[in-house]
Amino acid sequence: QVRLAESGGGSVPPGGSLKLSCAASGGIFSSHKMGWFHQPPGKEREGVAAISTAGGTTEYADSVKGRFTVSRDNAQKMLYLEMYNLKPEDSGIYYCAAARSPFCGGVRCPVLRDPDQVQYWGQGALVTVSS
């Protein structure tokens, strides 16, 4: 059983930056592909950033490409999301998510973008982008 706990949410003006962190416990962290999912108010949850088990493969939603960076530290069992040039439409709850996956050290490894594949969810971190 993997437990995930996000931190780092908050309120920033447009153009601001935030860094979200997700601490994992239980299970073997490096045996899980990870993702960040965004749920705007009144809308469905969607994957915005994902990373493979070893970190060699990353994928981003078009809406955040060039502004968000996902990374992981397997030794510390941590997942991160650095967010720059934030826009009001980036507001919402950000969830850390995990799914078991064979360890893959290459650059074309599976990532977690589909909510239906998620096995473990964090409790979410609220991000508000407003002037």
N, C-alpha and C. Protein backbone atom coordinates (compact mmCIF):
# COMPACT_ATOMS: atom_id res chain seq x y z
N GLN A 1 0.83 -1.18 0.00
CA GLN A 1 0.00 0.00 0.00
C GLN A 1 0.87 1.25 0.00
N VAL A 2 0.73 2.07 -1.02
CA VAL A 2 1.50 3.30 -1.12
C VAL A 2 0.64 4.47 -0.63
N ARG A 3 1.23 5.28 0.20
CA ARG A 3 0.55 6.50 0.67
C ARG A 3 1.28 7.70 0.13
N LEU A 4 0.50 8.67 -0.33
CA LEU A 4 1.05 9.85 -0.97
C LEU A 4 0.56 11.10 -0.26
N ALA A 5 1.45 12.05 -0.05
CA ALA A 5 1.07 13.28 0.65
C ALA A 5 1.68 14.47 -0.05
N GLU A 6 0.82 15.34 -0.61
CA GLU A 6 1.28 16.53 -1.31
C GLU A 6 1.50 17.69 -0.33
N SER A 7 2.38 18.59 -0.74
CA SER A 7 2.59 19.83 -0.01
C SER A 7 3.06 20.89 -0.99
N GLY A 8 2.97 22.15 -0.57
CA GLY A 8 3.49 23.23 -1.40
C GLY A 8 2.45 24.05 -2.14
N GLY A 9 1.18 23.72 -1.99
CA GLY A 9 0.15 24.51 -2.64
C GLY A 9 0.06 25.90 -2.01
N GLY A 10 -0.68 26.77 -2.69
CA GLY A 10 -0.84 28.12 -2.15
C GLY A 10 -1.47 29.04 -3.16
N SER A 11 -1.41 30.33 -2.87
CA SER A 11 -2.02 31.34 -3.71
C SER A 11 -0.92 32.26 -4.26
N VAL A 12 -0.92 32.45 -5.58
CA VAL A 12 0.08 33.30 -6.23
C VAL A 12 -0.61 34.16 -7.28
N PRO A 13 0.00 35.29 -7.64
CA PRO A 13 -0.55 36.10 -8.73
C PRO A 13 -0.19 35.49 -10.07
N PRO A 14 -0.89 35.86 -11.12
CA PRO A 14 -0.52 35.39 -12.46
C PRO A 14 0.94 35.71 -12.75
N GLY A 15 1.62 34.75 -13.36
CA GLY A 15 3.05 34.89 -13.63
C GLY A 15 3.92 34.36 -12.51
N GLY A 16 3.32 34.01 -11.41
CA GLY A 16 4.08 33.51 -10.27
C GLY A 16 4.50 32.06 -10.43
N SER A 17 5.18 31.55 -9.41
CA SER A 17 5.71 30.19 -9.42
C SER A 17 5.38 29.47 -8.13
N LEU A 18 5.28 28.17 -8.23
CA LEU A 18 5.09 27.31 -7.07
C LEU A 18 5.79 26.00 -7.33
N LYS A 19 6.19 25.34 -6.23
CA LYS A 19 6.74 23.99 -6.35
C LYS A 19 5.95 23.08 -5.43
N LEU A 20 5.34 22.06 -6.03
CA LEU A 20 4.62 21.06 -5.27
C LEU A 20 5.54 19.88 -5.00
N SER A 21 5.38 19.29 -3.83
CA SER A 21 6.12 18.09 -3.47
C SER A 21 5.14 17.00 -3.09
N CYS A 22 5.54 15.77 -3.31
CA CYS A 22 4.72 14.61 -2.95
C CYS A 22 5.63 13.59 -2.28
N ALA A 23 5.36 13.31 -1.03
CA ALA A 23 6.13 12.33 -0.28
C ALA A 23 5.41 10.99 -0.30
N ALA A 24 6.13 9.97 -0.68
CA ALA A 24 5.56 8.62 -0.74
C ALA A 24 6.07 7.79 0.43
N SER A 25 5.20 6.92 0.90
CA SER A 25 5.60 5.96 1.94
C SER A 25 4.91 4.64 1.65
N GLY A 26 5.53 3.56 2.12
CA GLY A 26 5.01 2.24 1.82
C GLY A 26 5.34 1.85 0.39
N GLY A 27 5.46 0.59 0.11
CA GLY A 27 5.73 0.14 -1.24
C GLY A 27 7.15 0.48 -1.68
N ILE A 28 7.46 0.12 -2.91
CA ILE A 28 8.77 0.41 -3.50
C ILE A 28 8.56 1.54 -4.49
N PHE A 29 9.01 2.74 -4.12
CA PHE A 29 8.73 3.93 -4.91
C PHE A 29 9.21 3.80 -6.35
N SER A 30 10.38 3.21 -6.52
CA SER A 30 10.96 3.11 -7.87
C SER A 30 10.23 2.09 -8.74
N SER A 31 9.28 1.39 -8.19
CA SER A 31 8.46 0.46 -8.96
C SER A 31 7.10 1.04 -9.31
N HIS A 32 7.01 2.37 -9.22
CA HIS A 32 5.75 3.04 -9.54
C HIS A 32 6.00 4.19 -10.50
N LYS A 33 5.25 4.19 -11.60
CA LYS A 33 5.24 5.38 -12.45
C LYS A 33 4.35 6.40 -11.76
N MET A 34 4.71 7.68 -11.92
CA MET A 34 4.06 8.73 -11.15
C MET A 34 3.49 9.80 -12.07
N GLY A 35 2.49 10.51 -11.55
CA GLY A 35 1.91 11.60 -12.32
C GLY A 35 1.30 12.65 -11.43
N TRP A 36 1.16 13.85 -11.99
CA TRP A 36 0.42 14.93 -11.36
C TRP A 36 -0.86 15.17 -12.16
N PHE A 37 -1.95 15.25 -11.44
CA PHE A 37 -3.26 15.47 -12.06
C PHE A 37 -3.84 16.77 -11.53
N HIS A 38 -4.50 17.49 -12.43
CA HIS A 38 -5.08 18.79 -12.10
C HIS A 38 -6.60 18.71 -12.22
N GLN A 39 -7.29 19.19 -11.19
CA GLN A 39 -8.74 19.24 -11.24
C GLN A 39 -9.20 20.67 -11.00
N PRO A 40 -9.56 21.39 -12.07
CA PRO A 40 -10.09 22.75 -11.90
C PRO A 40 -11.47 22.69 -11.24
N PRO A 41 -11.92 23.77 -10.64
CA PRO A 41 -13.24 23.78 -10.02
C PRO A 41 -14.34 23.39 -11.00
N GLY A 42 -15.15 22.42 -10.64
CA GLY A 42 -16.27 21.99 -11.46
C GLY A 42 -15.91 21.17 -12.69
N LYS A 43 -14.65 20.79 -12.81
CA LYS A 43 -14.23 20.03 -13.99
C LYS A 43 -13.60 18.70 -13.58
N GLU A 44 -13.36 17.86 -14.59
CA GLU A 44 -12.77 16.55 -14.32
C GLU A 44 -11.27 16.64 -14.12
N ARG A 45 -10.76 15.64 -13.47
CA ARG A 45 -9.33 15.54 -13.22
C ARG A 45 -8.62 15.13 -14.51
N GLU A 46 -7.49 15.78 -14.81
CA GLU A 46 -6.71 15.41 -15.99
C GLU A 46 -5.22 15.37 -15.65
N GLY A 47 -4.52 14.49 -16.34
CA GLY A 47 -3.08 14.39 -16.13
C GLY A 47 -2.36 15.56 -16.79
N VAL A 48 -1.49 16.22 -16.07
CA VAL A 48 -0.75 17.35 -16.62
C VAL A 48 0.75 17.08 -16.72
N ALA A 49 1.27 16.19 -15.90
CA ALA A 49 2.69 15.88 -15.94
C ALA A 49 2.89 14.47 -15.43
N ALA A 50 3.79 13.73 -16.09
CA ALA A 50 3.99 12.34 -15.71
C ALA A 50 5.45 11.97 -15.88
N ILE A 51 5.89 10.98 -15.11
CA ILE A 51 7.29 10.59 -15.15
C ILE A 51 7.40 9.09 -14.94
N SER A 52 8.35 8.49 -15.64
CA SER A 52 8.53 7.05 -15.56
C SER A 52 9.24 6.64 -14.27
N THR A 53 9.37 5.34 -14.07
CA THR A 53 9.91 4.84 -12.80
C THR A 53 11.32 5.36 -12.50
N ALA A 54 12.17 5.42 -13.51
CA ALA A 54 13.54 5.89 -13.29
C ALA A 54 13.70 7.39 -13.54
N GLY A 55 12.65 8.00 -14.08
CA GLY A 55 12.70 9.43 -14.34
C GLY A 55 13.21 9.80 -15.71
N GLY A 56 13.51 8.81 -16.55
CA GLY A 56 14.08 9.13 -17.85
C GLY A 56 13.07 9.57 -18.90
N THR A 57 11.80 9.31 -18.64
CA THR A 57 10.74 9.70 -19.56
C THR A 57 9.76 10.61 -18.84
N THR A 58 9.47 11.74 -19.45
CA THR A 58 8.46 12.65 -18.91
C THR A 58 7.50 13.05 -20.02
N GLU A 59 6.28 13.35 -19.65
CA GLU A 59 5.27 13.83 -20.59
C GLU A 59 4.46 14.93 -19.93
N TYR A 60 4.00 15.86 -20.76
CA TYR A 60 3.25 17.00 -20.25
C TYR A 60 2.02 17.25 -21.11
N ALA A 61 0.98 17.74 -20.48
CA ALA A 61 -0.17 18.22 -21.23
C ALA A 61 0.25 19.46 -22.01
N ASP A 62 -0.36 19.66 -23.16
CA ASP A 62 -0.01 20.81 -24.00
C ASP A 62 -0.17 22.13 -23.24
N SER A 63 -1.13 22.18 -22.35
CA SER A 63 -1.43 23.41 -21.63
C SER A 63 -0.31 23.84 -20.67
N VAL A 64 0.59 22.91 -20.31
CA VAL A 64 1.62 23.25 -19.33
C VAL A 64 3.04 23.09 -19.89
N LYS A 65 3.17 22.62 -21.11
CA LYS A 65 4.49 22.42 -21.70
C LYS A 65 5.29 23.72 -21.69
N GLY A 66 6.53 23.62 -21.25
CA GLY A 66 7.40 24.79 -21.19
C GLY A 66 7.25 25.60 -19.91
N ARG A 67 6.23 25.28 -19.12
CA ARG A 67 5.99 26.02 -17.86
C ARG A 67 6.13 25.12 -16.63
N PHE A 68 5.83 23.84 -16.77
CA PHE A 68 5.87 22.90 -15.65
C PHE A 68 7.01 21.90 -15.87
N THR A 69 7.62 21.47 -14.76
CA THR A 69 8.66 20.45 -14.81
C THR A 69 8.40 19.43 -13.72
N VAL A 70 8.32 18.17 -14.12
CA VAL A 70 8.13 17.08 -13.17
C VAL A 70 9.47 16.39 -12.94
N SER A 71 9.73 15.99 -11.71
CA SER A 71 10.97 15.28 -11.38
C SER A 71 10.70 14.37 -10.19
N ARG A 72 11.62 13.44 -9.97
CA ARG A 72 11.48 12.52 -8.84
C ARG A 72 12.84 12.22 -8.26
N ASP A 73 12.84 11.87 -6.98
CA ASP A 73 14.04 11.44 -6.27
C ASP A 73 13.70 10.09 -5.67
N ASN A 74 14.13 9.03 -6.32
CA ASN A 74 13.75 7.70 -5.84
C ASN A 74 14.37 7.37 -4.49
N ALA A 75 15.54 7.88 -4.23
CA ALA A 75 16.20 7.61 -2.95
C ALA A 75 15.42 8.24 -1.79
N GLN A 76 14.83 9.41 -2.03
CA GLN A 76 14.08 10.11 -0.99
C GLN A 76 12.59 9.84 -1.07
N LYS A 77 12.17 9.06 -2.08
CA LYS A 77 10.76 8.75 -2.29
C LYS A 77 9.93 10.04 -2.44
N MET A 78 10.42 10.91 -3.31
CA MET A 78 9.76 12.20 -3.49
C MET A 78 9.45 12.44 -4.97
N LEU A 79 8.32 13.08 -5.20
CA LEU A 79 7.91 13.52 -6.53
C LEU A 79 7.72 15.03 -6.45
N TYR A 80 8.12 15.74 -7.51
CA TYR A 80 8.03 17.20 -7.51
C TYR A 80 7.34 17.71 -8.76
N LEU A 81 6.73 18.89 -8.64
CA LEU A 81 6.19 19.58 -9.80
C LEU A 81 6.54 21.06 -9.64
N GLU A 82 7.43 21.55 -10.48
CA GLU A 82 7.77 22.96 -10.50
C GLU A 82 6.89 23.66 -11.53
N MET A 83 6.22 24.71 -11.08
CA MET A 83 5.27 25.41 -11.93
C MET A 83 5.69 26.87 -12.07
N TYR A 84 5.88 27.32 -13.30
CA TYR A 84 6.32 28.69 -13.58
C TYR A 84 5.28 29.39 -14.46
N ASN A 85 5.34 30.70 -14.46
CA ASN A 85 4.45 31.51 -15.29
C ASN A 85 3.00 31.03 -15.14
N LEU A 86 2.57 30.91 -13.92
CA LEU A 86 1.23 30.38 -13.65
C LEU A 86 0.14 31.29 -14.17
N LYS A 87 -0.93 30.65 -14.63
CA LYS A 87 -2.08 31.35 -15.18
C LYS A 87 -3.32 31.06 -14.34
N PRO A 88 -4.33 31.92 -14.40
CA PRO A 88 -5.55 31.65 -13.62
C PRO A 88 -6.16 30.28 -13.91
N GLU A 89 -6.05 29.82 -15.15
CA GLU A 89 -6.62 28.52 -15.50
C GLU A 89 -5.82 27.34 -14.91
N ASP A 90 -4.68 27.63 -14.31
CA ASP A 90 -3.92 26.59 -13.61
C ASP A 90 -4.47 26.36 -12.20
N SER A 91 -5.39 27.18 -11.77
CA SER A 91 -5.97 27.04 -10.43
C SER A 91 -6.73 25.73 -10.31
N GLY A 92 -6.76 25.20 -9.08
CA GLY A 92 -7.47 23.96 -8.83
C GLY A 92 -6.70 23.10 -7.85
N ILE A 93 -7.13 21.86 -7.76
CA ILE A 93 -6.46 20.92 -6.87
C ILE A 93 -5.51 20.06 -7.69
N TYR A 94 -4.31 19.91 -7.19
CA TYR A 94 -3.29 19.07 -7.84
C TYR A 94 -3.10 17.81 -7.01
N TYR A 95 -3.24 16.68 -7.68
CA TYR A 95 -3.11 15.39 -7.03
C TYR A 95 -1.85 14.67 -7.51
N CYS A 96 -1.15 14.11 -6.58
CA CYS A 96 -0.05 13.21 -6.87
C CYS A 96 -0.65 11.81 -7.04
N ALA A 97 -0.16 11.04 -7.99
CA ALA A 97 -0.74 9.73 -8.25
C ALA A 97 0.34 8.74 -8.61
N ALA A 98 0.05 7.46 -8.35
CA ALA A 98 1.03 6.40 -8.60
C ALA A 98 0.35 5.15 -9.14
N ALA A 99 1.10 4.40 -9.91
CA ALA A 99 0.64 3.10 -10.39
C ALA A 99 1.85 2.19 -10.51
N ARG A 100 1.68 0.95 -10.14
CA ARG A 100 2.80 0.01 -10.21
C ARG A 100 3.22 -0.18 -11.67
N SER A 101 4.54 -0.29 -11.86
CA SER A 101 5.06 -0.46 -13.21
C SER A 101 6.45 -1.06 -13.11
N PRO A 102 6.83 -1.96 -14.00
CA PRO A 102 8.19 -2.51 -13.97
C PRO A 102 9.21 -1.38 -14.10
N PHE A 103 10.31 -1.50 -13.37
CA PHE A 103 11.34 -0.46 -13.44
C PHE A 103 11.87 -0.35 -14.87
N CYS A 104 11.94 0.87 -15.36
CA CYS A 104 12.35 1.12 -16.73
C CYS A 104 13.34 2.27 -16.74
N GLY A 105 14.56 2.00 -17.20
CA GLY A 105 15.59 3.02 -17.15
C GLY A 105 15.82 3.75 -18.46
N GLY A 106 15.01 3.48 -19.45
CA GLY A 106 15.21 4.10 -20.76
C GLY A 106 14.50 5.43 -20.90
N VAL A 107 14.38 5.86 -22.15
CA VAL A 107 13.73 7.14 -22.43
C VAL A 107 12.38 6.96 -23.10
N ARG A 108 11.94 5.76 -23.29
CA ARG A 108 10.60 5.52 -23.85
C ARG A 108 9.86 4.58 -22.92
N CYS A 109 9.76 5.01 -21.68
CA CYS A 109 9.15 4.17 -20.66
C CYS A 109 7.72 4.60 -20.39
N PRO A 110 6.93 3.72 -19.82
CA PRO A 110 5.53 4.07 -19.52
C PRO A 110 5.44 5.19 -18.49
N VAL A 111 4.47 6.05 -18.69
CA VAL A 111 4.20 7.12 -17.73
C VAL A 111 2.72 7.07 -17.36
N LEU A 112 2.34 7.87 -16.39
CA LEU A 112 0.98 7.84 -15.86
C LEU A 112 0.24 9.12 -16.21
N ARG A 113 -0.60 9.06 -17.25
CA ARG A 113 -1.38 10.24 -17.66
C ARG A 113 -2.88 9.98 -17.57
N ASP A 114 -3.28 8.70 -17.53
CA ASP A 114 -4.70 8.33 -17.56
C ASP A 114 -5.19 8.10 -16.12
N PRO A 115 -6.19 8.85 -15.68
CA PRO A 115 -6.70 8.67 -14.32
C PRO A 115 -7.20 7.25 -14.06
N ASP A 116 -7.65 6.56 -15.11
CA ASP A 116 -8.18 5.20 -14.92
C ASP A 116 -7.07 4.20 -14.57
N GLN A 117 -5.81 4.58 -14.81
CA GLN A 117 -4.69 3.69 -14.49
C GLN A 117 -4.16 3.91 -13.08
N VAL A 118 -4.61 4.97 -12.44
CA VAL A 118 -4.07 5.32 -11.12
C VAL A 118 -4.51 4.30 -10.07
N GLN A 119 -3.54 3.87 -9.27
CA GLN A 119 -3.83 2.93 -8.18
C GLN A 119 -3.84 3.65 -6.83
N TYR A 120 -3.06 4.71 -6.73
CA TYR A 120 -2.96 5.43 -5.47
C TYR A 120 -3.03 6.94 -5.74
N TRP A 121 -3.82 7.62 -4.92
CA TRP A 121 -3.97 9.07 -5.01
C TRP A 121 -3.53 9.73 -3.71
N GLY A 122 -2.97 10.93 -3.82
CA GLY A 122 -2.75 11.75 -2.65
C GLY A 122 -4.02 12.49 -2.31
N GLN A 123 -3.98 13.30 -1.26
CA GLN A 123 -5.18 14.01 -0.81
C GLN A 123 -5.40 15.30 -1.58
N GLY A 124 -4.38 15.75 -2.30
CA GLY A 124 -4.51 16.94 -3.13
C GLY A 124 -3.94 18.19 -2.47
N ALA A 125 -3.47 19.10 -3.33
CA ALA A 125 -2.94 20.39 -2.87
C ALA A 125 -3.62 21.49 -3.68
N LEU A 126 -4.14 22.50 -2.98
CA LEU A 126 -4.88 23.57 -3.65
C LEU A 126 -3.93 24.64 -4.16
N VAL A 127 -4.08 24.97 -5.43
CA VAL A 127 -3.32 26.06 -6.05
C VAL A 127 -4.31 27.10 -6.55
N THR A 128 -4.09 28.33 -6.17
CA THR A 128 -4.95 29.43 -6.61
C THR A 128 -4.09 30.48 -7.28
N VAL A 129 -4.41 30.80 -8.52
CA VAL A 129 -3.69 31.82 -9.27
C VAL A 129 -4.65 32.97 -9.53
N SER A 130 -4.42 34.06 -8.85
CA SER A 130 -5.37 35.18 -8.93
C SER A 130 -4.66 36.47 -8.56
N SER A 131 -5.09 37.54 -9.21
CA SER A 131 -4.54 38.85 -8.87
C SER A 131 -5.38 39.50 -7.78
